[in-house]
Amino acid sequence: MKFYFLVLAVLLIGCIQPPPPESTEEWIAVTIVIDNGTLSKTVMDEVIPGTTALEAFQKVAILHTRDYGNLGAYIDGVDGLMENAGGNGKFWQYYADGEYAKIGVSQYPIREPVTLVLKYESQQTQEFE
């Protein structure tokens, strides 16, 4: 009987883990909006500095992407809705704080609070500086 108590005590001690150390990284507030033209969902979240816009969008939606090497990833589908579905001329475009993003979604690092919007809309000509 004492043997069983000894085995049980060893097992219980082995299961007790010290708490993880406190994270020293600061979290950044991010508002993530997915708008497919019919429905829109908004999620408030927090990410660590350097998280990309692509990683933030992946937290709230199932993305289909194409990789273009040094140019990064391109989102061509969200939650099963692919670009130019049925020839509708609509594509997934993303915005940061209301501005059309000028770099690829996988290359946009989050360094401060931001609102990221991924919209399914007709392709528009964007002017770049």
N, C-alpha and C. Protein backbone atom coordinates (compact mmCIF):
# COMPACT_ATOMS: atom_id res chain seq x y z
N MET A 1 0.81 -1.19 0.00
CA MET A 1 0.00 0.00 0.00
C MET A 1 0.86 1.27 0.00
N LYS A 2 1.95 1.26 0.80
CA LYS A 2 2.85 2.41 0.85
C LYS A 2 3.47 2.64 -0.52
N PHE A 3 3.73 1.55 -1.24
CA PHE A 3 4.32 1.66 -2.58
C PHE A 3 3.41 2.44 -3.51
N TYR A 4 2.12 2.17 -3.47
CA TYR A 4 1.16 2.87 -4.33
C TYR A 4 1.10 4.36 -4.01
N PHE A 5 1.16 4.69 -2.72
CA PHE A 5 1.18 6.10 -2.33
C PHE A 5 2.45 6.79 -2.81
N LEU A 6 3.57 6.07 -2.75
CA LEU A 6 4.83 6.63 -3.23
C LEU A 6 4.77 6.88 -4.73
N VAL A 7 4.24 5.93 -5.50
CA VAL A 7 4.11 6.08 -6.96
C VAL A 7 3.18 7.24 -7.26
N LEU A 8 2.05 7.31 -6.56
CA LEU A 8 1.09 8.39 -6.77
C LEU A 8 1.72 9.75 -6.46
N ALA A 9 2.49 9.84 -5.38
CA ALA A 9 3.14 11.09 -5.01
C ALA A 9 4.15 11.51 -6.08
N VAL A 10 4.92 10.57 -6.61
CA VAL A 10 5.89 10.88 -7.66
C VAL A 10 5.18 11.37 -8.91
N LEU A 11 4.09 10.70 -9.28
CA LEU A 11 3.33 11.11 -10.46
C LEU A 11 2.76 12.52 -10.29
N LEU A 12 2.23 12.82 -9.13
CA LEU A 12 1.65 14.14 -8.89
C LEU A 12 2.71 15.22 -8.91
N ILE A 13 3.85 14.95 -8.31
CA ILE A 13 4.93 15.93 -8.31
C ILE A 13 5.42 16.18 -9.73
N GLY A 14 5.48 15.12 -10.55
CA GLY A 14 5.91 15.27 -11.94
C GLY A 14 4.94 16.08 -12.77
N CYS A 15 3.67 16.11 -12.37
CA CYS A 15 2.65 16.85 -13.12
C CYS A 15 2.62 18.33 -12.77
N ILE A 16 3.19 18.69 -11.66
CA ILE A 16 3.17 20.09 -11.23
C ILE A 16 4.28 20.82 -11.96
N GLN A 17 3.90 21.81 -12.72
CA GLN A 17 4.86 22.61 -13.49
C GLN A 17 4.89 24.01 -12.92
N PRO A 18 6.07 24.61 -12.87
CA PRO A 18 6.11 26.01 -12.43
C PRO A 18 5.42 26.88 -13.46
N PRO A 19 4.86 28.00 -13.05
CA PRO A 19 4.20 28.88 -14.03
C PRO A 19 5.23 29.41 -15.02
N PRO A 20 4.79 29.67 -16.27
CA PRO A 20 5.73 30.21 -17.25
C PRO A 20 6.19 31.60 -16.83
N PRO A 21 7.39 31.98 -17.22
CA PRO A 21 7.86 33.32 -16.85
C PRO A 21 6.99 34.39 -17.51
N GLU A 22 6.89 35.51 -16.85
CA GLU A 22 6.13 36.63 -17.40
C GLU A 22 6.78 37.09 -18.70
N SER A 23 5.97 37.36 -19.70
CA SER A 23 6.49 37.85 -20.97
C SER A 23 6.97 39.28 -20.79
N THR A 24 8.13 39.56 -21.36
CA THR A 24 8.65 40.92 -21.27
C THR A 24 8.27 41.73 -22.51
N GLU A 25 7.63 41.07 -23.48
CA GLU A 25 7.24 41.78 -24.69
C GLU A 25 5.94 42.54 -24.46
N GLU A 26 5.87 43.70 -25.06
CA GLU A 26 4.64 44.48 -24.99
C GLU A 26 3.72 44.03 -26.11
N TRP A 27 2.44 44.04 -25.85
CA TRP A 27 1.45 43.67 -26.85
C TRP A 27 0.92 44.93 -27.51
N ILE A 28 0.53 44.79 -28.79
CA ILE A 28 0.01 45.92 -29.55
C ILE A 28 -1.44 45.63 -29.90
N ALA A 29 -2.31 46.60 -29.66
CA ALA A 29 -3.74 46.45 -30.00
C ALA A 29 -3.92 46.54 -31.51
N VAL A 30 -4.69 45.60 -32.04
CA VAL A 30 -4.97 45.56 -33.47
C VAL A 30 -6.46 45.33 -33.67
N THR A 31 -7.05 46.12 -34.55
CA THR A 31 -8.43 45.87 -34.97
C THR A 31 -8.35 45.26 -36.36
N ILE A 32 -8.97 44.09 -36.51
CA ILE A 32 -8.91 43.37 -37.78
C ILE A 32 -10.32 43.28 -38.35
N VAL A 33 -10.48 43.75 -39.58
CA VAL A 33 -11.79 43.75 -40.24
C VAL A 33 -11.69 42.93 -41.52
N ILE A 34 -12.61 41.99 -41.69
CA ILE A 34 -12.73 41.22 -42.92
C ILE A 34 -14.07 41.61 -43.53
N ASP A 35 -14.05 42.17 -44.74
CA ASP A 35 -15.27 42.66 -45.40
C ASP A 35 -15.37 42.03 -46.78
N ASN A 36 -16.34 41.10 -46.95
CA ASN A 36 -16.47 40.43 -48.25
C ASN A 36 -17.48 41.12 -49.17
N GLY A 37 -17.91 42.31 -48.79
CA GLY A 37 -18.86 43.05 -49.62
C GLY A 37 -20.30 42.80 -49.23
N THR A 38 -20.56 41.68 -48.55
CA THR A 38 -21.90 41.37 -48.06
C THR A 38 -21.92 41.36 -46.54
N LEU A 39 -20.93 40.69 -45.97
CA LEU A 39 -20.81 40.61 -44.52
C LEU A 39 -19.46 41.15 -44.10
N SER A 40 -19.43 41.67 -42.89
CA SER A 40 -18.19 42.20 -42.35
C SER A 40 -18.05 41.70 -40.92
N LYS A 41 -16.84 41.29 -40.56
CA LYS A 41 -16.60 40.93 -39.17
C LYS A 41 -15.41 41.71 -38.67
N THR A 42 -15.51 42.14 -37.42
CA THR A 42 -14.46 42.93 -36.79
C THR A 42 -14.01 42.21 -35.53
N VAL A 43 -12.70 42.08 -35.38
CA VAL A 43 -12.12 41.41 -34.22
C VAL A 43 -11.07 42.33 -33.62
N MET A 44 -11.15 42.53 -32.31
CA MET A 44 -10.12 43.27 -31.59
C MET A 44 -9.16 42.23 -31.03
N ASP A 45 -7.87 42.44 -31.21
CA ASP A 45 -6.88 41.47 -30.77
C ASP A 45 -5.62 42.20 -30.34
N GLU A 46 -4.66 41.45 -29.85
CA GLU A 46 -3.36 41.97 -29.52
C GLU A 46 -2.31 41.09 -30.14
N VAL A 47 -1.23 41.68 -30.63
CA VAL A 47 -0.14 40.94 -31.25
C VAL A 47 1.18 41.45 -30.69
N ILE A 48 2.23 40.66 -30.88
CA ILE A 48 3.54 41.11 -30.46
C ILE A 48 4.14 41.98 -31.56
N PRO A 49 5.01 42.91 -31.21
CA PRO A 49 5.63 43.77 -32.23
C PRO A 49 6.32 42.93 -33.30
N GLY A 50 6.15 43.35 -34.55
CA GLY A 50 6.77 42.64 -35.66
C GLY A 50 5.86 41.61 -36.32
N THR A 51 4.72 41.31 -35.70
CA THR A 51 3.74 40.44 -36.34
C THR A 51 3.35 41.08 -37.66
N THR A 52 3.20 40.28 -38.71
CA THR A 52 2.83 40.86 -40.01
C THR A 52 1.32 40.98 -40.14
N ALA A 53 0.91 41.81 -41.07
CA ALA A 53 -0.53 41.93 -41.36
C ALA A 53 -1.10 40.57 -41.77
N LEU A 54 -0.34 39.81 -42.54
CA LEU A 54 -0.80 38.48 -42.95
C LEU A 54 -1.07 37.61 -41.72
N GLU A 55 -0.16 37.60 -40.77
CA GLU A 55 -0.35 36.79 -39.55
C GLU A 55 -1.56 37.26 -38.77
N ALA A 56 -1.80 38.56 -38.73
CA ALA A 56 -2.98 39.08 -38.02
C ALA A 56 -4.27 38.62 -38.71
N PHE A 57 -4.31 38.73 -40.04
CA PHE A 57 -5.50 38.28 -40.78
C PHE A 57 -5.71 36.77 -40.60
N GLN A 58 -4.64 36.00 -40.53
CA GLN A 58 -4.75 34.55 -40.37
C GLN A 58 -5.34 34.17 -39.02
N LYS A 59 -5.31 35.06 -38.05
CA LYS A 59 -5.89 34.79 -36.74
C LYS A 59 -7.42 34.77 -36.79
N VAL A 60 -8.01 35.42 -37.81
CA VAL A 60 -9.46 35.57 -37.82
C VAL A 60 -10.14 35.00 -39.06
N ALA A 61 -9.35 34.54 -40.04
CA ALA A 61 -9.95 34.03 -41.28
C ALA A 61 -9.06 32.94 -41.87
N ILE A 62 -9.66 32.10 -42.69
CA ILE A 62 -8.92 31.10 -43.43
C ILE A 62 -8.52 31.73 -44.75
N LEU A 63 -7.21 31.89 -44.94
CA LEU A 63 -6.71 32.59 -46.12
C LEU A 63 -6.12 31.61 -47.13
N HIS A 64 -6.33 31.92 -48.39
CA HIS A 64 -5.64 31.22 -49.48
C HIS A 64 -4.66 32.23 -50.04
N THR A 65 -3.38 31.87 -50.08
CA THR A 65 -2.36 32.82 -50.53
C THR A 65 -1.51 32.22 -51.63
N ARG A 66 -0.88 33.10 -52.36
CA ARG A 66 0.15 32.71 -53.33
C ARG A 66 1.44 33.40 -52.89
N ASP A 67 2.54 32.66 -52.98
CA ASP A 67 3.83 33.21 -52.58
C ASP A 67 4.58 33.70 -53.80
N TYR A 68 5.04 34.93 -53.74
CA TYR A 68 5.78 35.53 -54.84
C TYR A 68 7.23 35.83 -54.43
N GLY A 69 7.81 34.91 -53.69
CA GLY A 69 9.22 35.03 -53.32
C GLY A 69 9.52 36.30 -52.55
N ASN A 70 10.46 37.09 -53.05
CA ASN A 70 10.88 38.32 -52.37
C ASN A 70 9.76 39.35 -52.27
N LEU A 71 8.77 39.25 -53.14
CA LEU A 71 7.64 40.19 -53.08
C LEU A 71 6.67 39.82 -51.96
N GLY A 72 6.72 38.59 -51.49
CA GLY A 72 5.88 38.15 -50.39
C GLY A 72 4.62 37.45 -50.83
N ALA A 73 3.70 37.32 -49.91
CA ALA A 73 2.45 36.61 -50.15
C ALA A 73 1.38 37.54 -50.70
N TYR A 74 0.49 36.93 -51.46
CA TYR A 74 -0.67 37.64 -52.03
C TYR A 74 -1.92 36.87 -51.61
N ILE A 75 -2.87 37.54 -51.02
CA ILE A 75 -4.12 36.89 -50.60
C ILE A 75 -5.06 36.86 -51.79
N ASP A 76 -5.42 35.64 -52.21
CA ASP A 76 -6.36 35.54 -53.33
C ASP A 76 -7.66 34.82 -52.93
N GLY A 77 -7.80 34.52 -51.65
CA GLY A 77 -9.04 33.92 -51.17
C GLY A 77 -9.16 34.07 -49.66
N VAL A 78 -10.37 34.30 -49.19
CA VAL A 78 -10.64 34.44 -47.76
C VAL A 78 -11.91 33.66 -47.44
N ASP A 79 -11.78 32.75 -46.48
CA ASP A 79 -12.92 31.94 -46.05
C ASP A 79 -13.65 31.31 -47.24
N GLY A 80 -12.90 30.89 -48.24
CA GLY A 80 -13.46 30.20 -49.41
C GLY A 80 -13.90 31.10 -50.55
N LEU A 81 -13.91 32.40 -50.35
CA LEU A 81 -14.30 33.33 -51.42
C LEU A 81 -13.04 33.76 -52.16
N MET A 82 -12.89 33.27 -53.40
CA MET A 82 -11.69 33.52 -54.18
C MET A 82 -11.84 34.80 -55.00
N GLU A 83 -10.69 35.36 -55.36
CA GLU A 83 -10.70 36.56 -56.20
C GLU A 83 -11.36 36.27 -57.53
N ASN A 84 -11.97 37.28 -58.09
CA ASN A 84 -12.61 37.21 -59.40
C ASN A 84 -13.58 36.03 -59.53
N ALA A 85 -14.27 35.72 -58.43
CA ALA A 85 -15.21 34.60 -58.41
C ALA A 85 -16.30 34.82 -59.45
N GLY A 86 -16.46 33.87 -60.35
CA GLY A 86 -17.48 33.98 -61.38
C GLY A 86 -17.24 35.15 -62.33
N GLY A 87 -16.01 35.63 -62.40
CA GLY A 87 -15.70 36.75 -63.29
C GLY A 87 -16.23 38.08 -62.79
N ASN A 88 -16.41 38.22 -61.47
CA ASN A 88 -17.01 39.45 -60.93
C ASN A 88 -16.05 40.64 -60.85
N GLY A 89 -14.77 40.41 -61.15
CA GLY A 89 -13.81 41.51 -61.15
C GLY A 89 -13.44 42.02 -59.77
N LYS A 90 -13.73 41.23 -58.73
CA LYS A 90 -13.39 41.66 -57.37
C LYS A 90 -12.16 40.90 -56.86
N PHE A 91 -11.37 41.62 -56.06
CA PHE A 91 -10.13 41.09 -55.54
C PHE A 91 -10.02 41.45 -54.06
N TRP A 92 -9.18 40.73 -53.33
CA TRP A 92 -8.92 41.03 -51.93
C TRP A 92 -7.82 42.07 -51.84
N GLN A 93 -8.12 43.18 -51.20
CA GLN A 93 -7.16 44.27 -51.02
C GLN A 93 -7.15 44.63 -49.54
N TYR A 94 -5.97 45.02 -49.04
CA TYR A 94 -5.94 45.36 -47.62
C TYR A 94 -5.50 46.80 -47.39
N TYR A 95 -5.98 47.32 -46.27
CA TYR A 95 -5.75 48.70 -45.88
C TYR A 95 -5.25 48.73 -44.44
N ALA A 96 -4.39 49.69 -44.16
CA ALA A 96 -3.90 49.91 -42.79
C ALA A 96 -4.28 51.33 -42.39
N ASP A 97 -5.07 51.42 -41.35
CA ASP A 97 -5.56 52.72 -40.87
C ASP A 97 -6.21 53.54 -41.98
N GLY A 98 -7.00 52.87 -42.82
CA GLY A 98 -7.76 53.55 -43.87
C GLY A 98 -6.99 53.83 -45.15
N GLU A 99 -5.70 53.55 -45.17
CA GLU A 99 -4.88 53.80 -46.35
C GLU A 99 -4.60 52.49 -47.09
N TYR A 100 -4.72 52.53 -48.41
CA TYR A 100 -4.36 51.36 -49.22
C TYR A 100 -2.90 51.02 -48.92
N ALA A 101 -2.65 49.76 -48.57
CA ALA A 101 -1.30 49.35 -48.19
C ALA A 101 -0.37 49.35 -49.40
N LYS A 102 0.81 49.89 -49.20
CA LYS A 102 1.76 50.03 -50.31
C LYS A 102 2.84 48.96 -50.30
N ILE A 103 2.77 48.04 -49.33
CA ILE A 103 3.69 46.90 -49.33
C ILE A 103 2.87 45.63 -49.13
N GLY A 104 3.48 44.51 -49.48
CA GLY A 104 2.79 43.23 -49.40
C GLY A 104 2.32 42.88 -47.99
N VAL A 105 1.25 42.15 -47.92
CA VAL A 105 0.63 41.80 -46.65
C VAL A 105 1.57 41.01 -45.74
N SER A 106 2.45 40.21 -46.32
CA SER A 106 3.38 39.42 -45.51
C SER A 106 4.63 40.22 -45.14
N GLN A 107 4.72 41.44 -45.62
CA GLN A 107 5.88 42.27 -45.33
C GLN A 107 5.53 43.51 -44.52
N TYR A 108 4.27 43.64 -44.13
CA TYR A 108 3.83 44.79 -43.34
C TYR A 108 3.97 44.44 -41.86
N PRO A 109 4.99 44.98 -41.17
CA PRO A 109 5.15 44.67 -39.75
C PRO A 109 4.29 45.59 -38.89
N ILE A 110 3.66 45.02 -37.91
CA ILE A 110 2.85 45.81 -36.98
C ILE A 110 3.76 46.28 -35.85
N ARG A 111 3.88 47.60 -35.72
CA ARG A 111 4.76 48.17 -34.70
C ARG A 111 4.03 49.11 -33.74
N GLU A 112 2.78 49.43 -34.09
CA GLU A 112 1.97 50.31 -33.25
C GLU A 112 0.51 49.94 -33.47
N PRO A 113 -0.39 50.39 -32.59
CA PRO A 113 -1.80 50.06 -32.78
C PRO A 113 -2.27 50.44 -34.18
N VAL A 114 -3.06 49.55 -34.79
CA VAL A 114 -3.47 49.74 -36.17
C VAL A 114 -4.82 49.06 -36.41
N THR A 115 -5.55 49.58 -37.39
CA THR A 115 -6.75 48.92 -37.89
C THR A 115 -6.41 48.37 -39.26
N LEU A 116 -6.51 47.06 -39.40
CA LEU A 116 -6.26 46.38 -40.67
C LEU A 116 -7.58 45.93 -41.26
N VAL A 117 -7.81 46.28 -42.52
CA VAL A 117 -9.06 45.93 -43.20
C VAL A 117 -8.71 45.15 -44.45
N LEU A 118 -9.34 43.99 -44.61
CA LEU A 118 -9.20 43.17 -45.81
C LEU A 118 -10.55 43.20 -46.52
N LYS A 119 -10.58 43.84 -47.71
CA LYS A 119 -11.84 44.06 -48.42
C LYS A 119 -11.87 43.33 -49.76
N TYR A 120 -13.05 42.82 -50.08
CA TYR A 120 -13.29 42.18 -51.37
C TYR A 120 -13.99 43.23 -52.22
N GLU A 121 -13.25 43.78 -53.18
CA GLU A 121 -13.79 44.90 -53.95
C GLU A 121 -13.21 44.91 -55.35
N SER A 122 -13.83 45.72 -56.20
CA SER A 122 -13.33 45.87 -57.56
C SER A 122 -11.93 46.47 -57.51
N GLN A 123 -11.09 45.97 -58.36
CA GLN A 123 -9.72 46.46 -58.38
C GLN A 123 -9.72 47.92 -58.75
N GLN A 124 -8.99 48.69 -57.98
CA GLN A 124 -8.91 50.13 -58.22
C GLN A 124 -7.48 50.49 -58.52
N THR A 125 -7.30 51.48 -59.34
CA THR A 125 -5.96 51.97 -59.61
C THR A 125 -5.50 52.78 -58.41
N GLN A 126 -4.38 52.38 -57.85
CA GLN A 126 -3.84 53.07 -56.69
C GLN A 126 -2.62 53.87 -57.12
N GLU A 127 -2.52 55.08 -56.62
CA GLU A 127 -1.36 55.91 -56.94
C GLU A 127 -0.31 55.69 -55.87
N PHE A 128 0.90 55.46 -56.32
CA PHE A 128 2.01 55.27 -55.40
C PHE A 128 2.96 56.45 -55.52
N GLU A 129 3.52 56.85 -54.40
CA GLU A 129 4.45 57.98 -54.40
C GLU A 129 5.82 57.52 -54.84
